[in-house]
Amino acid sequence: MKQTIRLVLATAAPLLAQVTINDNPSREFGQPVLSIPVLSAAPNLVEGREFNAPSAIAFDYSVTPPAVYVADTGNNRVLAWKNSAALANGAAADLVIGQRDFYSTLPQGPSQAGSTLSSGLFAPVGVAVDSSGNLYVIDAGNNRVLRYPTPLSQTGGLLPVDLAIGQKSVNGSGNAQPNEGNPKPSNRSLYLAYGTTIYRAALTLDAQGSLWIADPGNNRILRFPAANLAPNTTEPTADLVLGQLDFTSSQGPQPPNNVQINKSAVVQPSGLAFDSAARLYVADGFGRVLVYQAPATTGQSADRVLGIQPTPAQGQTAPRYPTNYSLGVINPNGTLAGSPQGVFTSGANLFVCDTAVHRVVRYDVYGNWSPETVSSPSPASVAVTGQPDLLSGKVNRGLLQPDATSLSSPVAGAYNTAAGEIWIVDTGNNRILVFPQQAGQYNAAARVLGQIDFPYNSPNLIEGREVSFMNQGGIVVDKTSNPPHLYIADTGNNRVLGFLDARNVGTDSRTLLTQKADLVIGQPDLLHSLPNYSPSNVQPSDALTPNSTGLIAPVGLAVDANGNLFVADSGNGRVLRFPAPFSQLPGLPRATLVLGQSSFTSTVQDPSAATMNTPYGIAQFNDGSLAVSDAIHNRILIFQKPAGGDFTSGQPAAIVVGQTGFNSINAGSSLANLSGPRHLATDTSDRLYVCDTNNNRMLVFTNASRSSNGASAALVLPGIGQPEGVAVSTITGESWVTNTGGNQLLRFPEFTSLQLNPQPTAGLNSPEPLSVALDPFDNLIVGEGANRISFYFPKMYYRHAATYAAGTNSPVNLTPGMLALLARYGSDFSLTPAGNQAVPWPTSGLNDIQVMVNGISAPIFRLDPAVVYFQVPNAAPISGTADVLVLKPSTGQILAAATFTMQAAAPGIFTANQAGTGQAAATNADGSANSSTNAVTRGGIITLWLTGAGFIPNLPPDGVAPGAAISTPVQPKVFMNGLPATNIEYSGVSPQFPGLWQINVQVPNNTAPGPNVSVLVTMYDYPSNYGGTSATGGPGADQQLTVGNKLVPTIAVK
């Protein structure tokens, strides 16, 4: 019996050839979790305590203390906090509405590409709560208003929606068009968005429970009476319209009536609010607020207009905006440059979010307003929040960073009657500020939501585990260092992130990202994103001057042989060199070399040999010379490094590629011209690979560092959609190019082969790949437009340890507890061998090799140079998929990765030839091996040895011998020569060895005797008679093991 068990644990090793990269990434950095397909493309960190251009706020007074809802527009969701009184700075929300979780941000809704949530949201811009706690949301991108019944009291998974306004239903394709797809509006339609244009809008409820909605695309305001808002009403209808004379008109005022004082027209209304006297206030696109006294009839005109400057007396000049009378900004030539976006009230007091001048102004009660006159039609505001006075209007009060007193483009607000506070939606700073009343004023906020503190204002959060690529970005691995360092150009945050060990960056699909960068260049810390940061900067104008520490929109990166980092500082028109960042003392990294400008403080972006406009990609030649793409000037500059010397700051380029001279910038499509070149790469023969983005091609230039101006490319690869990133392997010479427009990565052969056949040899899908790099092991690192960096590793396959089936064209997949082997496509693992291990089998690694199955460490029972033999953890899933990794635990280096399908069972019979065919590994009742010379008698008991029974409860830890008989949850079915063997004495684990499945079964008495009696086992209807075409080599299609092809496992019966 022991000999038979040793036999079944001895397996054949595959023989392997060329490397293949796994189809999906196994790790990512930049988003909270790796999701396939992508569920979020938002910039920076999203996890439920941040905002991306918030638009609206509302309190729920049906509970005490009131709850608060915020429309987080850029993240396509609404966030809710149960207790508005107990919120600390940066508090996490209690509920997300419009997305399935706090980490997802893609547009949702019935017609949005990739949406899985028809009741989800796309660019919500308005929220309101009725007296019962029901939430109304303006789902602008879907041209509708949704009502969610009492969201914070719901206990189910997905929030129900009981009312949709503006569309025929919540579900169904096409239910997102403006005006329901009709050419004219109606009393049941809305126009909130079209294409990429999203209008700002608002909604509010009056004392009678009627819902008022600003319909900006139709230049009107609609009232939906409470009687028409019953749950599940189909296409609720409005009964009153303001701004138009009927429900089918939508045109704005035409000359000469397109003036601020026109009280009958409404122009793209964006803000609505009622005061305690039932007056309606409307902020619209004419730089004003309209005031309606208890509106009750269609087409009713406003009674007052706020925001109009008094006419200056003769001989006097008009005061500059803003003033205590003005709202918005009107240029001296009379053109409108901005309008107030929001209004809210506290009793009879009106607050106006004067968005364009970064303030919120307060008006006295209506009865104290100055009377309307021809020369002075509007009353003056009496107080201001966000500015030092009513005559100032700078972003964040002209401060370098926001603080508790400053605003940037506030668009909405709400008065918290329970606390006497005003809450302001400070959109430009991506936050909500909570202002308590102090001495009758609201000057300084006491709390902030959406940011961790007052000085921060990035879209979403930045703390070192996120990126904002802005459709650019760059990556480089320092392969000369040990461990290899990874640098990421975080373009939108004006910084470069550094990671000490490139092998350990990122997270997988099951674990939230907690890792932060080890180093930052361009900022004082991981929390800031200031342009041109310098410790000496004190006001925004200081950041207009470059320096040696700060950056604006860095993109391309390169590392020289000494570990020095070159950065394409695109916003400053220059390339900076930072001395080997991880070898420096702690402190602010400072560049020691500048190319493309005459000094660190210079910004001359005209074309010349010594100046650049927008440097993008950087590549390095063998002698240390640099190639830099100057995207806007449609050229590449070659900066030659002196032999035995070094670059000097301000040094001119020696060669220009893409132009005939240094002063020309024309785009072209010939082999000697470029159009918007992006990233670059070189191979070991100093060929220069260029992403010629606007020409949809990649060009290869030979000997570019020693060529003449205007040299022609030696090779062109056309038909690549907007390529932006390229990397060339120093090991194989193969190149990877981003087919950015096709959401794809393409692999091309080494240059010599490429000349003969200029076609890709492989492709991977990737969401808008922007940049690409290779680590020292030729693993792919890809910067993606989804604001993440994805890590791809060699692809592997599994084989059933008994039958060698690989799940190709067969019903054989991995199952819990089974024994299996793993091997890489292409070049093998080159592992240090380890023979069959004694139990318990190691789970923490064998010879520094570890197998992880959905994050669970799996037992390894043998290593060959090319193969890992392991047991699938018993806790692995019985359906769906599992992510499997082979890695080195000492360094975190991933050697191979794959996502495998899982199933409830995968029965496979071990065989004597170790190939899964022919004579089964079976023992007769006396423990001797069954064979043609030692047959079992008809009616006798035979023991079959298998693996793949599936999940078995109550087992000891993985890799540990069970030590006792433990039965399978259900019995399998056994067939001999097609006859059912009904007497199964035992089906369960082998007490001596993990993963080994033992079936003691009686041979049917009517079985025809012979040396080749076929045996078939099924478990949960999964059959055992599928195997690989060969026990060695890469897996081909599995084949059915049958009597006809003489491959089915057999026993000898007498």
Foldseek 3Di string as FASTA:
>chain_A
DVVLVVLLLDFDAFDFFAFDWFQFFFFWFAAFADDVVDQFLDFGYWAAFAAAQKAEKEWAPLDPPIKMWIRRQQQQWIFIARHPVPDFFSDGGPDIAQDQHRRGRDAEAAADPPHPDNRHAHRWREWYADNQQWIWICRLQQQKIWIFHNVVPDDDRHTDTFDIFAFQDSHDHQNRDFCSPDPWHAQGHAHQDDDPDGAAWYWYADPQGWIWIQRQQLQKIFIQGPVQPPTNRGRGGTDAIAQDQHRGHRDFDDPPQLAQFNFQHGHRWREWEAAQQRWIWTWGDRQWIFIARNDDHHSDGGDAIFADFFADDPPDDGDAPDAQGHAAHADPVGHGDAHFRYWYDDHQKIWTRSQNLFKIFIADGPVPFDPADPRRRHGGTDAMFAEPDRRHRDALNQWLFHAQGHAHRWRYWYQSPVQRWIWICRSQQRKIFIFHQDPNHGGGGDHITNENHGRHRDRHFWAARHAAQVLFKEKEWQQLDVQIKIWIQRQQLFKIFIAPHPLPDGDGRPGTDPDGGPDMFADQHRGHRRAQDDPPDTGPVVSVFHAFGHAHRWHAWDADNQQWIWIQRFQQFKIFIWHNVVVDDDDGTGTDAIFQAQDRGDRDPAWDQGHAHGWAAWEAAPQGWIWTDRQQLFKIFIADADVVHGDHHSDGGPEIFQDQHRRHRDADDFQRHAHRWHYWYAENQRWIWIQRQVQQKIFIAHPVNPDHYSDGTPDIGHDQHRWHEKYADNVFQKMWIDSQVVQKIFIGHHPVVCVVPVDTPDMHGHARWHYWYAHPVRWIWTQHSSRMIGTMATAKFKAFQAFGAGPFQAPAFDFAQAKIKMFTHHDAQQADWDAFDAPLADQVDDSQKWKAKQNGGWGWGIDDRRMTITTHHLPHDQFDKIKMFIGRVVRSRTHYIHITTHHQWGKAFHASVSNRFEATSKAFPVRHGFAQVRAHEAQGKMKTKIFTQHRFPPADGHSHQRQDWGARPDDKWKAWLRHTQPAWPTWGADNRGTRIIMTITHHHNPHDFDRFTAMWIGHPNHIHQWHFPGSYHDGDHIDGQDVVVRGGHGGGYD
